[in-house]
Amino acid sequence: MLTFEGQKIQGSQNIVAKLSSLPFQQCQHSITTVDCQPSGPAGGMLVFVSGNLQLAGEQHALKFSQMFHLMPTPQGTFYVLNDIFRLNYA
């Protein structure tokens, strides 16, 4: 599930559709902090990221926060179980 600015989107096709519909084509990320914690006995991981987004044609960067809940696969990789994204206006 993706929560994007309070809107809950579930399912990989719906998430791709949401991200593809955003009103910009280019965005640069500048990561300020990354915090990680283990999540449960299954080997999951919580990742919290904060930083700045610079949209093409915009003078000022936007601050953002994002949380990922990563879960392991039998192949030794991870998939995103949950993702929460927020712009920080204050």
C-alpha atoms as a PDB file:
ATOM      1  CA  MET A   1       0.000   0.000   0.000  1.00  0.00           C
ATOM      2  CA  LEU A   2       1.130   3.534  -0.778  1.00  0.00           C
ATOM      3  CA  THR A   3      -0.141   6.490   1.219  1.00  0.00           C
ATOM      4  CA  PHE A   4       0.666   9.609  -0.806  1.00  0.00           C
ATOM      5  CA  GLU A   5      -0.271  12.889   0.867  1.00  0.00           C
ATOM      6  CA  GLY A   6      -3.044  11.120   2.800  1.00  0.00           C
ATOM      7  CA  GLN A   7      -4.465   9.217  -0.189  1.00  0.00           C
ATOM      8  CA  LYS A   8      -4.303   5.430   0.243  1.00  0.00           C
ATOM      9  CA  ILE A   9      -3.492   3.455  -2.909  1.00  0.00           C
ATOM     10  CA  GLN A  10      -3.377  -0.337  -2.908  1.00  0.00           C
ATOM     11  CA  GLY A  11      -2.076  -2.766  -5.528  1.00  0.00           C
ATOM     12  CA  SER A  12       0.957  -2.445  -7.767  1.00  0.00           C
ATOM     13  CA  GLN A  13      -1.008  -1.353 -10.865  1.00  0.00           C
ATOM     14  CA  ASN A  14      -2.825   1.383  -8.928  1.00  0.00           C
ATOM     15  CA  ILE A  15       0.443   2.582  -7.363  1.00  0.00           C
ATOM     16  CA  VAL A  16       2.160   2.798 -10.758  1.00  0.00           C
ATOM     17  CA  ALA A  17      -0.872   4.661 -12.155  1.00  0.00           C
ATOM     18  CA  LYS A  18      -0.765   7.168  -9.269  1.00  0.00           C
ATOM     19  CA  LEU A  19       2.967   7.823  -9.609  1.00  0.00           C
ATOM     20  CA  SER A  20       2.637   8.137 -13.402  1.00  0.00           C
ATOM     21  CA  SER A  21      -0.157  10.706 -13.002  1.00  0.00           C
ATOM     22  CA  LEU A  22       1.867  13.164 -10.906  1.00  0.00           C
ATOM     23  CA  PRO A  23       1.934  16.632 -12.534  1.00  0.00           C
ATOM     24  CA  PHE A  24       5.698  16.738 -13.177  1.00  0.00           C
ATOM     25  CA  GLN A  25       8.146  14.799 -15.304  1.00  0.00           C
ATOM     26  CA  GLN A  26      11.447  15.433 -13.526  1.00  0.00           C
ATOM     27  CA  CYS A  27      12.346  15.559  -9.856  1.00  0.00           C
ATOM     28  CA  GLN A  28      15.698  15.597  -8.053  1.00  0.00           C
ATOM     29  CA  HIS A  29      15.946  14.160  -4.531  1.00  0.00           C
ATOM     30  CA  SER A  30      18.430  15.409  -1.965  1.00  0.00           C
ATOM     31  CA  ILE A  31      18.399  12.990   1.001  1.00  0.00           C
ATOM     32  CA  THR A  32      19.084  14.610   4.391  1.00  0.00           C
ATOM     33  CA  THR A  33      18.543  11.706   6.808  1.00  0.00           C
ATOM     34  CA  VAL A  34      17.922   7.957   6.672  1.00  0.00           C
ATOM     35  CA  ASP A  35      16.921   5.945   9.754  1.00  0.00           C
ATOM     36  CA  CYS A  36      16.446   2.149   9.709  1.00  0.00           C
ATOM     37  CA  GLN A  37      15.124  -0.350  12.242  1.00  0.00           C
ATOM     38  CA  PRO A  38      14.551  -4.101  12.074  1.00  0.00           C
ATOM     39  CA  SER A  39      10.877  -5.055  11.880  1.00  0.00           C
ATOM     40  CA  GLY A  40       9.721  -8.313  13.429  1.00  0.00           C
ATOM     41  CA  PRO A  41      11.020 -11.870  13.321  1.00  0.00           C
ATOM     42  CA  ALA A  42      10.503 -12.241   9.540  1.00  0.00           C
ATOM     43  CA  GLY A  43      13.484  -9.964   8.831  1.00  0.00           C
ATOM     44  CA  GLY A  44      11.590  -6.876   7.724  1.00  0.00           C
ATOM     45  CA  MET A  45      13.008  -3.377   7.884  1.00  0.00           C
ATOM     46  CA  LEU A  46      11.479   0.052   8.521  1.00  0.00           C
ATOM     47  CA  VAL A  47      13.211   2.879   6.658  1.00  0.00           C
ATOM     48  CA  PHE A  48      12.477   6.573   7.292  1.00  0.00           C
ATOM     49  CA  VAL A  49      13.886   9.132   4.840  1.00  0.00           C
ATOM     50  CA  SER A  50      13.729  12.931   4.890  1.00  0.00           C
ATOM     51  CA  GLY A  51      15.105  15.448   2.463  1.00  0.00           C
ATOM     52  CA  ASN A  52      14.317  17.882  -0.329  1.00  0.00           C
ATOM     53  CA  LEU A  53      12.635  17.545  -3.727  1.00  0.00           C
ATOM     54  CA  GLN A  54      13.545  19.913  -6.534  1.00  0.00           C
ATOM     55  CA  LEU A  55      10.969  19.965  -9.321  1.00  0.00           C
ATOM     56  CA  ALA A  56      12.027  21.039 -12.806  1.00  0.00           C
ATOM     57  CA  GLY A  57      11.254  24.715 -13.370  1.00  0.00           C
ATOM     58  CA  GLU A  58      10.660  25.477  -9.674  1.00  0.00           C
ATOM     59  CA  GLN A  59      12.900  27.897  -7.774  1.00  0.00           C
ATOM     60  CA  HIS A  60      12.450  26.452  -4.272  1.00  0.00           C
ATOM     61  CA  ALA A  61      12.873  22.868  -3.110  1.00  0.00           C
ATOM     62  CA  LEU A  62      10.095  21.089  -1.207  1.00  0.00           C
ATOM     63  CA  LYS A  63      10.826  19.214   2.008  1.00  0.00           C
ATOM     64  CA  PHE A  64       9.560  15.632   2.235  1.00  0.00           C
ATOM     65  CA  SER A  65       9.389  12.615   4.542  1.00  0.00           C
ATOM     66  CA  GLN A  66       8.912   9.025   3.446  1.00  0.00           C
ATOM     67  CA  MET A  67       8.627   5.731   5.321  1.00  0.00           C
ATOM     68  CA  PHE A  68       9.133   2.327   3.686  1.00  0.00           C
ATOM     69  CA  HIS A  69       8.331  -1.036   5.240  1.00  0.00           C
ATOM     70  CA  LEU A  70      10.572  -3.547   3.471  1.00  0.00           C
ATOM     71  CA  MET A  71      10.018  -7.302   3.674  1.00  0.00           C
ATOM     72  CA  PRO A  72      12.448 -10.022   2.595  1.00  0.00           C
ATOM     73  CA  THR A  73      11.806 -12.476  -0.238  1.00  0.00           C
ATOM     74  CA  PRO A  74      12.988 -16.095  -0.389  1.00  0.00           C
ATOM     75  CA  GLN A  75      15.443 -14.982  -3.105  1.00  0.00           C
ATOM     76  CA  GLY A  76      17.274 -12.723  -0.625  1.00  0.00           C
ATOM     77  CA  THR A  77      15.930  -9.400  -1.903  1.00  0.00           C
ATOM     78  CA  PHE A  78      13.307  -7.053  -0.422  1.00  0.00           C
ATOM     79  CA  TYR A  79       9.937  -5.758  -1.581  1.00  0.00           C
ATOM     80  CA  VAL A  80       8.055  -2.661  -0.398  1.00  0.00           C
ATOM     81  CA  LEU A  81       5.126  -3.768   1.757  1.00  0.00           C
ATOM     82  CA  ASN A  82       4.086  -0.230   2.750  1.00  0.00           C
ATOM     83  CA  ASP A  83       5.181   3.249   1.684  1.00  0.00           C
ATOM     84  CA  ILE A  84       4.061   6.543   3.253  1.00  0.00           C
ATOM     85  CA  PHE A  85       5.033   9.847   1.605  1.00  0.00           C
ATOM     86  CA  ARG A  86       4.390  13.407   2.813  1.00  0.00           C
ATOM     87  CA  LEU A  87       5.476  16.853   1.745  1.00  0.00           C
ATOM     88  CA  ASN A  88       6.432  18.964   4.766  1.00  0.00           C
ATOM     89  CA  TYR A  89       5.016  22.453   4.320  1.00  0.00           C
ATOM     90  CA  ALA A  90       5.665  23.874   7.794  1.00  0.00           C
END
